[in-house]
Amino acid sequence: MDYIPKKYKNKSFGIIFLKIRGSKMRIFNIDNGWNIKLPENWKEERDDVDGYHIYYPTDSDLTIRIISFHFFRNIENDWKLLAPVDVLSEIFNESIKKIKLGNNTKVEEKKLNLNEFKIEDFKVECFESEYYENNEKVYNISCGIMITGYLLVINLYSASKEEVENAMKYIYSIEKIK
């Protein structure tokens, strides 16, 4: 995973405004019926090469990259079933294991408060790491949210560990619209 600085041109996306606890929030729509609530001053970009939605505040170095996948399993006679959560968990874990972060870098599991989520019948797994890119330290948390047939991958990046950990609260705002 590469750390992505905010070098993207501004694009317009459909946005819904909310007011939560005194600060205005926007609902950003992600592919496959997912959405996330972020502060209204955040920018959204779309990486057309790999499909990531990229979100960032204009006054910091924090970046959130999100991508959604829809998985099926083939069965007899060309029938397809939505992939079960355990299969999606394996896919996410294998992708985390393939990340090359360099020498002496550990990817460690990070626990979240599952009671904070607004998603039904889901599984979430998160991993954190620190590494250097272009001689700058980068702190990263990668989370996979899985429900039958869908995997949402959320990556939070910043030079500041505190900034990334504070931004984890936005993950709890993620919803899957049926």
Protein backbone atom coordinates (compact mmCIF):
# COMPACT_ATOMS: atom_id res chain seq x y z
CA MET A 1 0.00 0.00 0.00
CA ASP A 2 1.37 3.38 -0.90
CA TYR A 3 0.83 6.50 1.16
CA ILE A 4 -1.09 8.93 -1.02
CA PRO A 5 -0.55 12.67 -0.48
CA LYS A 6 -3.35 15.05 -1.32
CA LYS A 7 -2.27 15.80 -4.89
CA TYR A 8 -5.60 15.07 -6.52
CA LYS A 9 -7.73 17.50 -8.45
CA ASN A 10 -11.09 18.36 -6.93
CA LYS A 11 -14.00 16.41 -8.43
CA SER A 12 -17.66 16.77 -7.61
CA PHE A 13 -19.62 13.87 -6.13
CA GLY A 14 -23.20 13.53 -4.88
CA ILE A 15 -23.13 14.42 -1.18
CA ILE A 16 -25.76 14.53 1.57
CA PHE A 17 -25.25 16.97 4.48
CA LEU A 18 -25.97 16.12 8.14
CA LYS A 19 -25.46 17.87 11.41
CA ILE A 20 -24.13 15.58 14.14
CA ARG A 21 -23.13 16.71 17.62
CA GLY A 22 -22.69 20.34 16.64
CA SER A 23 -20.50 19.79 13.58
CA LYS A 24 -21.72 19.33 10.05
CA MET A 25 -21.06 15.94 8.51
CA ARG A 26 -21.47 14.66 4.97
CA ILE A 27 -22.47 11.22 3.85
CA PHE A 28 -20.12 10.03 1.13
CA ASN A 29 -21.44 7.20 -1.04
CA ILE A 30 -19.07 4.33 -1.77
CA ASP A 31 -19.62 1.57 -4.33
CA ASN A 32 -21.93 -1.40 -3.69
CA GLY A 33 -24.26 0.45 -1.31
CA TRP A 34 -21.73 1.45 1.38
CA ASN A 35 -21.45 4.95 2.83
CA ILE A 36 -19.33 6.82 5.39
CA LYS A 37 -19.92 10.02 7.37
CA LEU A 38 -17.04 12.50 7.42
CA PRO A 39 -16.74 16.21 8.31
CA GLU A 40 -18.11 18.52 5.64
CA ASN A 41 -14.73 20.16 4.97
CA TRP A 42 -13.21 16.86 3.79
CA LYS A 43 -12.44 16.35 0.13
CA GLU A 44 -13.26 13.28 -1.93
CA GLU A 45 -11.33 12.02 -4.92
CA ARG A 46 -11.57 8.87 -7.00
CA ASP A 47 -8.50 6.96 -8.10
CA ASP A 48 -9.64 5.80 -11.53
CA VAL A 49 -6.70 3.40 -11.87
CA ASP A 50 -7.44 1.15 -8.89
CA GLY A 51 -10.98 2.23 -7.92
CA TYR A 52 -10.25 3.67 -4.48
CA HIS A 53 -12.33 6.46 -2.98
CA ILE A 54 -9.88 8.86 -1.32
CA TYR A 55 -10.91 11.20 1.51
CA TYR A 56 -8.87 13.82 3.34
CA PRO A 57 -9.18 17.00 5.36
CA THR A 58 -7.53 20.04 3.79
CA ASP A 59 -5.67 20.99 6.98
CA SER A 60 -3.74 17.79 7.74
CA ASP A 61 -1.81 14.95 6.22
CA LEU A 62 -4.45 12.29 7.04
CA THR A 63 -5.74 10.23 4.10
CA ILE A 64 -8.45 7.56 4.05
CA ARG A 65 -8.61 5.21 1.05
CA ILE A 66 -11.64 2.92 0.67
CA ILE A 67 -12.49 0.26 -1.90
CA SER A 68 -15.46 -2.10 -2.10
CA PHE A 69 -15.53 -5.60 -3.57
CA HIS A 70 -18.49 -7.87 -4.41
CA PHE A 71 -17.64 -11.59 -4.35
CA PHE A 72 -19.49 -14.64 -5.64
CA ARG A 73 -18.69 -18.34 -5.44
CA ASN A 74 -19.40 -20.54 -8.45
CA ILE A 75 -21.33 -23.72 -7.82
CA GLU A 76 -22.77 -26.38 -10.15
CA ASN A 77 -24.42 -25.49 -13.45
CA ASP A 78 -22.95 -21.96 -13.50
CA TRP A 79 -24.97 -20.94 -10.44
CA LYS A 80 -23.41 -18.33 -8.21
CA LEU A 81 -23.76 -17.70 -4.50
CA LEU A 82 -22.57 -14.71 -2.50
CA ALA A 83 -19.22 -15.53 -0.89
CA PRO A 84 -19.47 -16.23 2.84
CA VAL A 85 -17.85 -13.96 5.42
CA ASP A 86 -15.17 -16.52 6.31
CA VAL A 87 -13.96 -16.63 2.70
CA LEU A 88 -13.85 -12.82 2.57
CA SER A 89 -11.90 -12.79 5.83
CA GLU A 90 -9.31 -15.14 4.30
CA ILE A 91 -9.04 -12.90 1.22
CA PHE A 92 -8.51 -9.80 3.36
CA ASN A 93 -5.96 -11.50 5.62
CA GLU A 94 -4.00 -12.83 2.65
CA SER A 95 -3.87 -9.35 1.11
CA ILE A 96 -2.50 -7.93 4.39
CA LYS A 97 0.18 -10.65 4.51
CA LYS A 98 1.35 -9.70 1.00
CA ILE A 99 2.08 -6.10 1.93
CA LYS A 100 5.78 -5.37 1.64
CA LEU A 101 6.67 -2.70 4.16
CA GLY A 102 10.41 -3.18 4.47
CA ASN A 103 12.80 -4.28 7.16
CA ASN A 104 11.75 -4.68 10.78
CA THR A 105 8.17 -3.63 10.12
CA LYS A 106 5.43 -5.47 11.95
CA VAL A 107 1.80 -5.61 10.95
CA GLU A 108 -0.20 -6.15 14.12
CA GLU A 109 -3.88 -6.86 14.65
CA LYS A 110 -5.91 -3.97 16.06
CA LYS A 111 -9.15 -4.57 17.98
CA LEU A 112 -12.21 -2.35 17.54
CA ASN A 113 -15.35 -1.92 19.64
CA LEU A 114 -17.84 -3.95 17.60
CA ASN A 115 -20.79 -2.43 19.49
CA GLU A 116 -20.12 0.92 17.79
CA PHE A 117 -20.89 -0.37 14.29
CA LYS A 118 -24.25 0.17 12.57
CA ILE A 119 -23.87 -2.89 10.32
CA GLU A 120 -25.73 -6.15 10.86
CA ASP A 121 -24.22 -9.64 10.56
CA PHE A 122 -20.70 -8.48 9.82
CA LYS A 123 -17.10 -9.24 10.65
CA VAL A 124 -14.34 -6.68 10.94
CA GLU A 125 -10.59 -7.14 11.09
CA CYS A 126 -8.00 -4.39 11.42
CA PHE A 127 -4.23 -4.28 11.29
CA GLU A 128 -1.81 -1.47 12.06
CA SER A 129 1.70 -0.77 10.89
CA GLU A 130 4.37 1.90 10.71
CA TYR A 131 6.83 2.19 7.85
CA TYR A 132 8.96 4.70 5.98
CA GLU A 133 8.18 6.01 2.54
CA ASN A 134 10.42 8.59 0.88
CA ASN A 135 12.25 8.98 4.23
CA GLU A 136 9.00 9.89 5.99
CA LYS A 137 7.38 7.79 8.69
CA VAL A 138 3.85 6.64 7.81
CA TYR A 139 1.38 5.18 10.29
CA ASN A 140 -1.32 2.99 8.75
CA ILE A 141 -4.42 1.15 9.92
CA SER A 142 -6.11 -1.19 7.42
CA CYS A 143 -9.57 -2.57 8.15
CA GLY A 144 -11.74 -5.05 6.31
CA ILE A 145 -15.47 -5.01 6.93
CA MET A 146 -17.14 -8.16 5.65
CA ILE A 147 -20.77 -9.12 5.16
CA THR A 148 -21.94 -11.98 2.97
CA GLY A 149 -20.80 -11.21 -0.58
CA TYR A 150 -19.12 -7.86 0.20
CA LEU A 151 -15.71 -6.76 1.42
CA LEU A 152 -15.01 -3.11 2.21
CA VAL A 153 -11.32 -2.24 2.71
CA ILE A 154 -10.51 0.96 4.59
CA ASN A 155 -6.94 2.28 4.86
CA LEU A 156 -6.04 5.23 7.06
CA TYR A 157 -2.63 6.92 6.61
CA SER A 158 -0.77 9.77 8.24
CA ALA A 159 2.65 10.67 9.60
CA SER A 160 0.88 11.04 12.96
CA LYS A 161 -0.22 7.91 14.82
CA GLU A 162 -2.52 10.06 16.97
CA GLU A 163 -4.22 11.49 13.88
CA VAL A 164 -4.93 8.02 12.44
CA GLU A 165 -6.19 6.67 15.75
CA ASN A 166 -8.48 9.68 16.15
CA ALA A 167 -9.84 9.14 12.63
CA MET A 168 -10.81 5.56 13.52
CA LYS A 169 -14.10 7.01 14.84
CA TYR A 170 -15.20 7.52 11.22
CA ILE A 171 -15.05 3.79 10.56
CA TYR A 172 -17.92 3.35 13.03
CA SER A 173 -20.10 5.59 10.83
CA ILE A 174 -19.89 3.19 7.87
CA GLU A 175 -23.20 1.70 6.83
CA LYS A 176 -24.32 -0.80 4.21
CA ILE A 177 -27.56 0.29 2.58
CA LYS A 178 -29.76 -2.61 1.52
